[in-house]
């Protein structure tokens, strides 16, 4: 979930005109920290995967898939805007609101 929220809200590599990274370290490239994460409940649904050994399957990065569309829908429900560029930073949302005359 931290990866998914970072992808959706904060993480973006920035480069100058010469292609050099502007945020090459964790001081300038913001990944969500534990204190910034929302409270979460994890629910495992027991199923059997016939193609895997002993019926097991991967559960790691599949949770990333739904976060961006959920946040895009939340922004749309709140503002009427469909944001198309990630991450959905406050500055980008504010700029999109200004373009539509909503700010």
PDB file of N, CA and C in Angstrom:
ATOM      1  N   UNK A   1       0.816  -1.189   0.000  1.00  0.00           N
ATOM      2  CA  UNK A   1       0.000   0.000   0.000  1.00  0.00           C
ATOM      3  C   UNK A   1       0.861   1.256   0.000  1.00  0.00           C
ATOM      4  N   UNK A   2       1.975   1.219   0.705  1.00  0.00           N
ATOM      5  CA  UNK A   2       2.858   2.385   0.701  1.00  0.00           C
ATOM      6  C   UNK A   2       3.369   2.652  -0.714  1.00  0.00           C
ATOM      7  N   UNK A   3       3.732   1.602  -1.433  1.00  0.00           N
ATOM      8  CA  UNK A   3       4.166   1.771  -2.823  1.00  0.00           C
ATOM      9  C   UNK A   3       3.053   2.384  -3.662  1.00  0.00           C
ATOM     10  N   UNK A   4       1.844   1.897  -3.499  1.00  0.00           N
ATOM     11  CA  UNK A   4       0.719   2.371  -4.300  1.00  0.00           C
ATOM     12  C   UNK A   4       0.390   3.822  -3.990  1.00  0.00           C
ATOM     13  N   UNK A   5       0.398   4.186  -2.709  1.00  0.00           N
ATOM     14  CA  UNK A   5       0.122   5.579  -2.348  1.00  0.00           C
ATOM     15  C   UNK A   5       1.238   6.506  -2.823  1.00  0.00           C
ATOM     16  N   UNK A   6       2.469   6.057  -2.723  1.00  0.00           N
ATOM     17  CA  UNK A   6       3.580   6.860  -3.234  1.00  0.00           C
ATOM     18  C   UNK A   6       3.459   7.086  -4.732  1.00  0.00           C
ATOM     19  N   UNK A   7       3.158   6.022  -5.466  1.00  0.00           N
ATOM     20  CA  UNK A   7       2.974   6.117  -6.915  1.00  0.00           C
ATOM     21  C   UNK A   7       1.863   7.101  -7.257  1.00  0.00           C
ATOM     22  N   UNK A   8       0.784   7.062  -6.502  1.00  0.00           N
ATOM     23  CA  UNK A   8      -0.377   7.901  -6.792  1.00  0.00           C
ATOM     24  C   UNK A   8      -0.217   9.341  -6.336  1.00  0.00           C
ATOM     25  N   UNK A   9       0.471   9.563  -5.217  1.00  0.00           N
ATOM     26  CA  UNK A   9       0.430  10.884  -4.590  1.00  0.00           C
ATOM     27  C   UNK A   9       1.752  11.647  -4.517  1.00  0.00           C
ATOM     28  N   UNK A  10       2.881  10.974  -4.455  1.00  0.00           N
ATOM     29  CA  UNK A  10       4.103  11.731  -4.180  1.00  0.00           C
ATOM     30  C   UNK A  10       5.298  11.413  -5.064  1.00  0.00           C
ATOM     31  N   UNK A  11       5.422  10.191  -5.537  1.00  0.00           N
ATOM     32  CA  UNK A  11       6.671   9.790  -6.180  1.00  0.00           C
ATOM     33  C   UNK A  11       6.740  10.216  -7.639  1.00  0.00           C
ATOM     34  N   UNK A  12       7.810  10.943  -7.958  1.00  0.00           N
ATOM     35  CA  UNK A  12       8.035  11.379  -9.339  1.00  0.00           C
ATOM     36  C   UNK A  12       9.505  11.734  -9.505  1.00  0.00           C
ATOM     37  N   UNK A  13      10.147  11.126 -10.479  1.00  0.00           N
ATOM     38  CA  UNK A  13      11.531  11.496 -10.783  1.00  0.00           C
ATOM     39  C   UNK A  13      11.509  12.774 -11.611  1.00  0.00           C
ATOM     40  N   UNK A  14      12.277  13.742 -11.172  1.00  0.00           N
ATOM     41  CA  UNK A  14      12.386  15.026 -11.866  1.00  0.00           C
ATOM     42  C   UNK A  14      13.782  15.158 -12.452  1.00  0.00           C
ATOM     43  N   UNK A  15      13.863  15.717 -13.669  1.00  0.00           N
ATOM     44  CA  UNK A  15      15.137  15.852 -14.362  1.00  0.00           C
ATOM     45  C   UNK A  15      15.304  17.280 -14.873  1.00  0.00           C
ATOM     46  N   UNK A  16      16.556  17.720 -14.946  1.00  0.00           N
ATOM     47  CA  UNK A  16      16.814  19.030 -15.537  1.00  0.00           C
ATOM     48  C   UNK A  16      16.918  18.885 -17.056  1.00  0.00           C
ATOM     49  N   UNK A  17      17.218  19.974 -17.740  1.00  0.00           N
ATOM     50  CA  UNK A  17      17.260  19.954 -19.210  1.00  0.00           C
ATOM     51  C   UNK A  17      18.360  19.058 -19.764  1.00  0.00           C
ATOM     52  N   UNK A  18      19.377  18.763 -18.938  1.00  0.00           N
ATOM     53  CA  UNK A  18      20.472  17.897 -19.370  1.00  0.00           C
ATOM     54  C   UNK A  18      20.224  16.430 -19.017  1.00  0.00           C
ATOM     55  N   UNK A  19      19.055  16.138 -18.460  1.00  0.00           N
ATOM     56  CA  UNK A  19      18.723  14.771 -18.101  1.00  0.00           C
ATOM     57  C   UNK A  19      19.254  14.323 -16.755  1.00  0.00           C
ATOM     58  N   UNK A  20      19.787  15.254 -15.985  1.00  0.00           N
ATOM     59  CA  UNK A  20      20.300  14.911 -14.663  1.00  0.00           C
ATOM     60  C   UNK A  20      19.150  14.924 -13.656  1.00  0.00           C
ATOM     61  N   UNK A  21      19.095  13.936 -12.755  1.00  0.00           N
ATOM     62  CA  UNK A  21      18.003  13.899 -11.786  1.00  0.00           C
ATOM     63  C   UNK A  21      18.086  15.063 -10.796  1.00  0.00           C
ATOM     64  N   UNK A  22      16.936  15.641 -10.510  1.00  0.00           N
ATOM     65  CA  UNK A  22      16.841  16.740  -9.553  1.00  0.00           C
ATOM     66  C   UNK A  22      16.519  16.238  -8.141  1.00  0.00           C
ATOM     67  N   UNK A  23      16.045  15.006  -8.056  1.00  0.00           N
ATOM     68  CA  UNK A  23      15.711  14.426  -6.750  1.00  0.00           C
ATOM     69  C   UNK A  23      16.271  12.993  -6.653  1.00  0.00           C
ATOM     70  N   UNK A  24      17.622  12.869  -6.659  1.00  0.00           N
ATOM     71  CA  UNK A  24      18.226  11.541  -6.746  1.00  0.00           C
ATOM     72  C   UNK A  24      18.369  10.797  -5.421  1.00  0.00           C
ATOM     73  N   UNK A  25      17.909  11.386  -4.333  1.00  0.00           N
ATOM     74  CA  UNK A  25      18.052  10.720  -3.038  1.00  0.00           C
ATOM     75  C   UNK A  25      16.736  10.808  -2.265  1.00  0.00           C
ATOM     76  N   UNK A  26      16.668  10.102  -1.153  1.00  0.00           N
ATOM     77  CA  UNK A  26      15.420  10.041  -0.393  1.00  0.00           C
ATOM     78  C   UNK A  26      15.127  11.309   0.405  1.00  0.00           C
ATOM     79  N   UNK A  27      16.025  12.254   0.383  1.00  0.00           N
ATOM     80  CA  UNK A  27      15.728  13.564   0.978  1.00  0.00           C
ATOM     81  C   UNK A  27      14.842  14.375   0.037  1.00  0.00           C
ATOM     82  N   UNK A  28      15.017  14.168  -1.268  1.00  0.00           N
ATOM     83  CA  UNK A  28      14.265  14.949  -2.252  1.00  0.00           C
ATOM     84  C   UNK A  28      13.226  14.137  -3.027  1.00  0.00           C
ATOM     85  N   UNK A  29      13.352  12.824  -3.030  1.00  0.00           N
ATOM     86  CA  UNK A  29      12.362  11.947  -3.674  1.00  0.00           C
ATOM     87  C   UNK A  29      11.486  11.406  -2.556  1.00  0.00           C
ATOM     88  N   UNK A  30      10.254  11.846  -2.513  1.00  0.00           N
ATOM     89  CA  UNK A  30       9.416  11.549  -1.343  1.00  0.00           C
ATOM     90  C   UNK A  30       8.662  10.233  -1.492  1.00  0.00           C
ATOM     91  N   UNK A  31       8.997   9.279  -0.636  1.00  0.00           N
ATOM     92  CA  UNK A  31       8.205   8.062  -0.520  1.00  0.00           C
ATOM     93  C   UNK A  31       7.426   8.153   0.797  1.00  0.00           C
ATOM     94  N   UNK A  32       6.244   7.586   0.859  1.00  0.00           N
ATOM     95  CA  UNK A  32       5.477   7.659   2.107  1.00  0.00           C
ATOM     96  C   UNK A  32       6.222   6.995   3.261  1.00  0.00           C
ATOM     97  N   UNK A  33       6.223   7.674   4.380  1.00  0.00           N
ATOM     98  CA  UNK A  33       6.834   7.135   5.594  1.00  0.00           C
ATOM     99  C   UNK A  33       5.740   6.523   6.460  1.00  0.00           C
ATOM    100  N   UNK A  34       6.134   5.718   7.415  1.00  0.00           N
ATOM    101  CA  UNK A  34       5.173   5.010   8.264  1.00  0.00           C
ATOM    102  C   UNK A  34       4.192   5.975   8.920  1.00  0.00           C
ATOM    103  N   UNK A  35       4.671   7.115   9.380  1.00  0.00           N
ATOM    104  CA  UNK A  35       3.799   8.079  10.062  1.00  0.00           C
ATOM    105  C   UNK A  35       2.789   8.733   9.120  1.00  0.00           C
ATOM    106  N   UNK A  36       3.030   8.655   7.820  1.00  0.00           N
ATOM    107  CA  UNK A  36       2.128   9.258   6.837  1.00  0.00           C
ATOM    108  C   UNK A  36       1.091   8.276   6.294  1.00  0.00           C
ATOM    109  N   UNK A  37       1.229   7.025   6.641  1.00  0.00           N
ATOM    110  CA  UNK A  37       0.325   6.006   6.118  1.00  0.00           C
ATOM    111  C   UNK A  37      -0.992   6.012   6.889  1.00  0.00           C
ATOM    112  N   UNK A  38      -2.101   5.826   6.180  1.00  0.00           N
ATOM    113  CA  UNK A  38      -3.392   5.728   6.869  1.00  0.00           C
ATOM    114  C   UNK A  38      -3.509   4.378   7.584  1.00  0.00           C
ATOM    115  N   UNK A  39      -4.416   4.313   8.521  1.00  0.00           N
ATOM    116  CA  UNK A  39      -4.693   3.032   9.182  1.00  0.00           C
ATOM    117  C   UNK A  39      -5.292   2.084   8.150  1.00  0.00           C
ATOM    118  N   UNK A  40      -4.878   0.832   8.195  1.00  0.00           N
ATOM    119  CA  UNK A  40      -5.356  -0.146   7.212  1.00  0.00           C
ATOM    120  C   UNK A  40      -5.696  -1.457   7.900  1.00  0.00           C
ATOM    121  N   UNK A  41      -6.662  -2.139   7.355  1.00  0.00           N
ATOM    122  CA  UNK A  41      -6.969  -3.507   7.736  1.00  0.00           C
ATOM    123  C   UNK A  41      -6.665  -4.385   6.536  1.00  0.00           C
ATOM    124  N   UNK A  42      -5.929  -5.439   6.756  1.00  0.00           N
ATOM    125  CA  UNK A  42      -5.616  -6.384   5.689  1.00  0.00           C
ATOM    126  C   UNK A  42      -6.462  -7.630   5.910  1.00  0.00           C
ATOM    127  N   UNK A  43      -7.137  -8.023   4.870  1.00  0.00           N
ATOM    128  CA  UNK A  43      -8.004  -9.197   4.943  1.00  0.00           C
ATOM    129  C   UNK A  43      -7.515 -10.206   3.911  1.00  0.00           C
ATOM    130  N   UNK A  44      -7.187 -11.384   4.370  1.00  0.00           N
ATOM    131  CA  UNK A  44      -6.780 -12.455   3.463  1.00  0.00           C
ATOM    132  C   UNK A  44      -7.967 -13.357   3.205  1.00  0.00           C
ATOM    133  N   UNK A  45      -8.212 -13.617   1.950  1.00  0.00           N
ATOM    134  CA  UNK A  45      -9.291 -14.523   1.560  1.00  0.00           C
ATOM    135  C   UNK A  45      -8.641 -15.831   1.128  1.00  0.00           C
ATOM    136  N   UNK A  46      -8.929 -16.888   1.843  1.00  0.00           N
ATOM    137  CA  UNK A  46      -8.317 -18.182   1.565  1.00  0.00           C
ATOM    138  C   UNK A  46      -8.875 -18.765   0.274  1.00  0.00           C
ATOM    139  N   UNK A  47      -8.009 -18.951  -0.700  1.00  0.00           N
ATOM    140  CA  UNK A  47      -8.385 -19.595  -1.957  1.00  0.00           C
ATOM    141  C   UNK A  47      -7.273 -20.558  -2.344  1.00  0.00           C
ATOM    142  N   UNK A  48      -7.549 -21.396  -3.292  1.00  0.00           N
ATOM    143  CA  UNK A  48      -6.568 -22.364  -3.756  1.00  0.00           C
ATOM    144  C   UNK A  48      -6.207 -22.044  -5.198  1.00  0.00           C
ATOM    145  N   UNK A  49      -4.914 -22.039  -5.494  1.00  0.00           N
ATOM    146  CA  UNK A  49      -4.435 -21.769  -6.852  1.00  0.00           C
ATOM    147  C   UNK A  49      -3.908 -23.072  -7.448  1.00  0.00           C
ATOM    148  N   UNK A  50      -4.646 -23.679  -8.364  1.00  0.00           N
ATOM    149  CA  UNK A  50      -4.238 -24.982  -8.870  1.00  0.00           C
ATOM    150  C   UNK A  50      -2.941 -24.975  -9.686  1.00  0.00           C
ATOM    151  N   UNK A  51      -2.536 -23.825 -10.220  1.00  0.00           N
ATOM    152  CA  UNK A  51      -1.328 -23.800 -11.056  1.00  0.00           C
ATOM    153  C   UNK A  51      -0.050 -23.610 -10.251  1.00  0.00           C
ATOM    154  N   UNK A  52      -0.156 -23.277  -8.956  1.00  0.00           N
ATOM    155  CA  UNK A  52       1.029 -23.034  -8.145  1.00  0.00           C
ATOM    156  C   UNK A  52       1.354 -24.221  -7.260  1.00  0.00           C
ATOM    157  N   UNK A  53       2.599 -24.273  -6.749  1.00  0.00           N
ATOM    158  CA  UNK A  53       2.959 -25.373  -5.856  1.00  0.00           C
ATOM    159  C   UNK A  53       2.174 -25.285  -4.547  1.00  0.00           C
ATOM    160  N   UNK A  54       1.599 -26.385  -4.128  1.00  0.00           N
ATOM    161  CA  UNK A  54       0.835 -26.475  -2.885  1.00  0.00           C
ATOM    162  C   UNK A  54      -0.355 -25.523  -2.855  1.00  0.00           C
ATOM    163  N   UNK A  55      -0.794 -25.037  -4.015  1.00  0.00           N
ATOM    164  CA  UNK A  55      -1.963 -24.168  -4.090  1.00  0.00           C
ATOM    165  C   UNK A  55      -1.706 -22.717  -3.731  1.00  0.00           C
ATOM    166  N   UNK A  56      -0.434 -22.306  -3.650  1.00  0.00           N
ATOM    167  CA  UNK A  56      -0.113 -20.932  -3.251  1.00  0.00           C
ATOM    168  C   UNK A  56      -0.126 -19.997  -4.459  1.00  0.00           C
ATOM    169  N   UNK A  57      -0.249 -18.710  -4.170  1.00  0.00           N
ATOM    170  CA  UNK A  57      -0.168 -17.697  -5.218  1.00  0.00           C
ATOM    171  C   UNK A  57       0.438 -16.418  -4.654  1.00  0.00           C
ATOM    172  N   UNK A  58       0.855 -15.559  -5.519  1.00  0.00           N
ATOM    173  CA  UNK A  58       1.478 -14.304  -5.116  1.00  0.00           C
ATOM    174  C   UNK A  58       0.432 -13.318  -4.625  1.00  0.00           C
ATOM    175  N   UNK A  59       0.766 -12.539  -3.602  1.00  0.00           N
ATOM    176  CA  UNK A  59      -0.149 -11.503  -3.108  1.00  0.00           C
ATOM    177  C   UNK A  59       0.562 -10.160  -2.941  1.00  0.00           C
ATOM    178  N   UNK A  60       1.785 -10.032  -3.404  1.00  0.00           N
ATOM    179  CA  UNK A  60       2.589  -8.855  -3.098  1.00  0.00           C
ATOM    180  C   UNK A  60       2.130  -7.587  -3.803  1.00  0.00           C
ATOM    181  N   UNK A  61       2.428  -7.428  -5.059  1.00  0.00           N
ATOM    182  CA  UNK A  61       2.201  -6.151  -5.724  1.00  0.00           C
ATOM    183  C   UNK A  61       0.811  -5.997  -6.327  1.00  0.00           C
ATOM    184  N   UNK A  62      -0.042  -6.969  -6.193  1.00  0.00           N
ATOM    185  CA  UNK A  62      -1.394  -6.851  -6.751  1.00  0.00           C
ATOM    186  C   UNK A  62      -2.174  -5.720  -6.081  1.00  0.00           C
ATOM    187  N   UNK A  63      -1.830  -5.401  -4.835  1.00  0.00           N
ATOM    188  CA  UNK A  63      -2.552  -4.326  -4.140  1.00  0.00           C
ATOM    189  C   UNK A  63      -2.282  -2.953  -4.744  1.00  0.00           C
ATOM    190  N   UNK A  64      -1.264  -2.812  -5.571  1.00  0.00           N
ATOM    191  CA  UNK A  64      -0.942  -1.527  -6.202  1.00  0.00           C
ATOM    192  C   UNK A  64      -1.998  -1.135  -7.234  1.00  0.00           C
ATOM    193  N   UNK A  65      -2.610  -2.104  -7.875  1.00  0.00           N
ATOM    194  CA  UNK A  65      -3.463  -1.850  -9.033  1.00  0.00           C
ATOM    195  C   UNK A  65      -4.661  -0.942  -8.788  1.00  0.00           C
ATOM    196  N   UNK A  66      -5.301  -1.013  -7.659  1.00  0.00           N
ATOM    197  CA  UNK A  66      -6.540  -0.280  -7.465  1.00  0.00           C
ATOM    198  C   UNK A  66      -6.420   1.103  -6.869  1.00  0.00           C
ATOM    199  N   UNK A  67      -5.255   1.474  -6.367  1.00  0.00           N
ATOM    200  CA  UNK A  67      -5.127   2.734  -5.625  1.00  0.00           C
ATOM    201  C   UNK A  67      -5.255   3.956  -6.529  1.00  0.00           C
ATOM    202  N   UNK A  68      -4.543   3.993  -7.650  1.00  0.00           N
ATOM    203  CA  UNK A  68      -4.618   5.165  -8.542  1.00  0.00           C
ATOM    204  C   UNK A  68      -6.039   5.381  -9.055  1.00  0.00           C
ATOM    205  N   UNK A  69      -6.730   4.346  -9.554  1.00  0.00           N
ATOM    206  CA  UNK A  69      -8.106   4.587 -10.000  1.00  0.00           C
ATOM    207  C   UNK A  69      -9.028   5.034  -8.868  1.00  0.00           C
ATOM    208  N   UNK A  70      -8.804   4.516  -7.662  1.00  0.00           N
ATOM    209  CA  UNK A  70      -9.643   4.931  -6.526  1.00  0.00           C
ATOM    210  C   UNK A  70      -9.421   6.401  -6.197  1.00  0.00           C
ATOM    211  N   UNK A  71      -8.169   6.835  -6.199  1.00  0.00           N
ATOM    212  CA  UNK A  71      -7.884   8.238  -5.900  1.00  0.00           C
ATOM    213  C   UNK A  71      -8.362   9.130  -7.039  1.00  0.00           C
ATOM    214  N   UNK A  72      -8.194   8.689  -8.283  1.00  0.00           N
ATOM    215  CA  UNK A  72      -8.707   9.463  -9.424  1.00  0.00           C
ATOM    216  C   UNK A  72     -10.212   9.637  -9.312  1.00  0.00           C
ATOM    217  N   UNK A  73     -10.910   8.587  -8.925  1.00  0.00           N
ATOM    218  CA  UNK A  73     -12.365   8.678  -8.753  1.00  0.00           C
ATOM    219  C   UNK A  73     -12.733   9.604  -7.603  1.00  0.00           C
ATOM    220  N   UNK A  74     -11.963   9.560  -6.522  1.00  0.00           N
ATOM    221  CA  UNK A  74     -12.229  10.450  -5.387  1.00  0.00           C
ATOM    222  C   UNK A  74     -12.038  11.913  -5.780  1.00  0.00           C
ATOM    223  N   UNK A  75     -10.979  12.203  -6.521  1.00  0.00           N
ATOM    224  CA  UNK A  75     -10.755  13.574  -7.003  1.00  0.00           C
ATOM    225  C   UNK A  75     -11.895  13.987  -7.922  1.00  0.00           C
ATOM    226  N   UNK A  76     -12.309  13.094  -8.802  1.00  0.00           N
ATOM    227  CA  UNK A  76     -13.413  13.394  -9.711  1.00  0.00           C
ATOM    228  C   UNK A  76     -14.718  13.645  -8.944  1.00  0.00           C
ATOM    229  N   UNK A  77     -14.996  12.807  -7.963  1.00  0.00           N
ATOM    230  CA  UNK A  77     -16.220  12.991  -7.171  1.00  0.00           C
ATOM    231  C   UNK A  77     -16.210  14.311  -6.411  1.00  0.00           C
ATOM    232  N   UNK A  78     -15.032  14.732  -5.950  1.00  0.00           N
ATOM    233  CA  UNK A  78     -14.932  15.971  -5.179  1.00  0.00           C
ATOM    234  C   UNK A  78     -14.911  17.216  -6.048  1.00  0.00           C
ATOM    235  N   UNK A  79     -14.358  17.108  -7.273  1.00  0.00           N
ATOM    236  CA  UNK A  79     -14.122  18.305  -8.077  1.00  0.00           C
ATOM    237  C   UNK A  79     -14.750  18.280  -9.467  1.00  0.00           C
ATOM    238  N   UNK A  80     -15.098  17.093  -9.944  1.00  0.00           N
ATOM    239  CA  UNK A  80     -15.570  16.964 -11.315  1.00  0.00           C
ATOM    240  C   UNK A  80     -14.442  16.830 -12.324  1.00  0.00           C
ATOM    241  N   UNK A  81     -13.189  16.818 -11.863  1.00  0.00           N
ATOM    242  CA  UNK A  81     -12.024  16.724 -12.744  1.00  0.00           C
ATOM    243  C   UNK A  81     -11.545  15.288 -12.871  1.00  0.00           C
ATOM    244  N   UNK A  82     -11.146  14.920 -14.063  1.00  0.00           N
ATOM    245  CA  UNK A  82     -10.432  13.658 -14.251  1.00  0.00           C
ATOM    246  C   UNK A  82      -8.969  14.016 -14.417  1.00  0.00           C
ATOM    247  N   UNK A  83      -8.175  13.718 -13.421  1.00  0.00           N
ATOM    248  CA  UNK A  83      -6.735  13.979 -13.479  1.00  0.00           C
ATOM    249  C   UNK A  83      -6.073  12.871 -14.282  1.00  0.00           C
ATOM    250  N   UNK A  84      -5.169  13.232 -15.185  1.00  0.00           N
ATOM    251  CA  UNK A  84      -4.530  12.256 -16.062  1.00  0.00           C
ATOM    252  C   UNK A  84      -3.033  12.100 -15.821  1.00  0.00           C
ATOM    253  N   UNK A  85      -2.426  12.981 -15.027  1.00  0.00           N
ATOM    254  CA  UNK A  85      -0.980  12.919 -14.813  1.00  0.00           C
ATOM    255  C   UNK A  85      -0.685  12.601 -13.354  1.00  0.00           C
ATOM    256  N   UNK A  86       0.172  11.620 -13.162  1.00  0.00           N
ATOM    257  CA  UNK A  86       0.598  11.230 -11.817  1.00  0.00           C
ATOM    258  C   UNK A  86       1.914  11.893 -11.486  1.00  0.00           C
ATOM    259  N   UNK A  87       2.192  12.100 -10.221  1.00  0.00           N
ATOM    260  CA  UNK A  87       1.339  11.869  -9.073  1.00  0.00           C
ATOM    261  C   UNK A  87       0.311  12.982  -8.902  1.00  0.00           C
ATOM    262  N   UNK A  88      -0.730  12.674  -8.171  1.00  0.00           N
ATOM    263  CA  UNK A  88      -1.790  13.651  -7.896  1.00  0.00           C
ATOM    264  C   UNK A  88      -1.360  14.521  -6.717  1.00  0.00           C
ATOM    265  N   UNK A  89      -0.447  15.428  -6.970  1.00  0.00           N
ATOM    266  CA  UNK A  89       0.046  16.311  -5.910  1.00  0.00           C
ATOM    267  C   UNK A  89      -0.958  17.435  -5.663  1.00  0.00           C
ATOM    268  N   UNK A  90      -0.919  18.030  -4.492  1.00  0.00           N
ATOM    269  CA  UNK A  90      -1.803  19.178  -4.242  1.00  0.00           C
ATOM    270  C   UNK A  90      -1.619  20.285  -5.271  1.00  0.00           C
ATOM    271  N   UNK A  91      -0.375  20.496  -5.707  1.00  0.00           N
ATOM    272  CA  UNK A  91      -0.103  21.543  -6.694  1.00  0.00           C
ATOM    273  C   UNK A  91      -0.779  21.230  -8.032  1.00  0.00           C
ATOM    274  N   UNK A  92      -0.748  19.974  -8.436  1.00  0.00           N
ATOM    275  CA  UNK A  92      -1.387  19.597  -9.702  1.00  0.00           C
ATOM    276  C   UNK A  92      -2.904  19.690  -9.625  1.00  0.00           C
ATOM    277  N   UNK A  93      -3.459  19.278  -8.511  1.00  0.00           N
ATOM    278  CA  UNK A  93      -4.914  19.383  -8.349  1.00  0.00           C
ATOM    279  C   UNK A  93      -5.315  20.851  -8.341  1.00  0.00           C
ATOM    280  N   UNK A  94      -4.562  21.673  -7.624  1.00  0.00           N
ATOM    281  CA  UNK A  94      -4.849  23.110  -7.574  1.00  0.00           C
ATOM    282  C   UNK A  94      -4.753  23.734  -8.964  1.00  0.00           C
ATOM    283  N   UNK A  95      -3.721  23.376  -9.733  1.00  0.00           N
ATOM    284  CA  UNK A  95      -3.561  23.916 -11.091  1.00  0.00           C
ATOM    285  C   UNK A  95      -4.720  23.490 -11.988  1.00  0.00           C
ATOM    286  N   UNK A  96      -5.159  22.238 -11.861  1.00  0.00           N
ATOM    287  CA  UNK A  96      -6.293  21.768 -12.667  1.00  0.00           C
ATOM    288  C   UNK A  96      -7.568  22.501 -12.281  1.00  0.00           C
ATOM    289  N   UNK A  97      -7.742  22.776 -11.005  1.00  0.00           N
ATOM    290  CA  UNK A  97      -8.913  23.541 -10.562  1.00  0.00           C
ATOM    291  C   UNK A  97      -8.871  24.951 -11.116  1.00  0.00           C
ATOM    292  N   UNK A  98      -7.688  25.551 -11.133  1.00  0.00           N
ATOM    293  CA  UNK A  98      -7.558  26.902 -11.691  1.00  0.00           C
ATOM    294  C   UNK A  98      -7.915  26.928 -13.171  1.00  0.00           C
ATOM    295  N   UNK A  99      -7.475  25.906 -13.916  1.00  0.00           N
ATOM    296  CA  UNK A  99      -7.764  25.843 -15.355  1.00  0.00           C
ATOM    297  C   UNK A  99      -9.261  25.787 -15.620  1.00  0.00           C
ATOM    298  N   UNK A 100     -10.002  25.189 -14.724  1.00  0.00           N
ATOM    299  CA  UNK A 100     -11.457  25.074 -14.924  1.00  0.00           C
ATOM    300  C   UNK A 100     -12.206  26.179 -14.197  1.00  0.00           C
ATOM    301  N   UNK A 101     -11.451  27.100 -13.564  1.00  0.00           N
ATOM    302  CA  UNK A 101     -12.095  28.205 -12.860  1.00  0.00           C
ATOM    303  C   UNK A 101     -12.762  27.829 -11.553  1.00  0.00           C
ATOM    304  N   UNK A 102     -12.351  26.703 -10.969  1.00  0.00           N
ATOM    305  CA  UNK A 102     -12.970  26.250  -9.724  1.00  0.00           C
ATOM    306  C   UNK A 102     -12.221  26.727  -8.484  1.00  0.00           C
ATOM    307  N   UNK A 103     -11.032  27.305  -8.654  1.00  0.00           N
ATOM    308  CA  UNK A 103     -10.318  27.753  -7.454  1.00  0.00           C
ATOM    309  C   UNK A 103     -10.481  29.236  -7.252  1.00  0.00           C
TER     310      UNK A 103
END
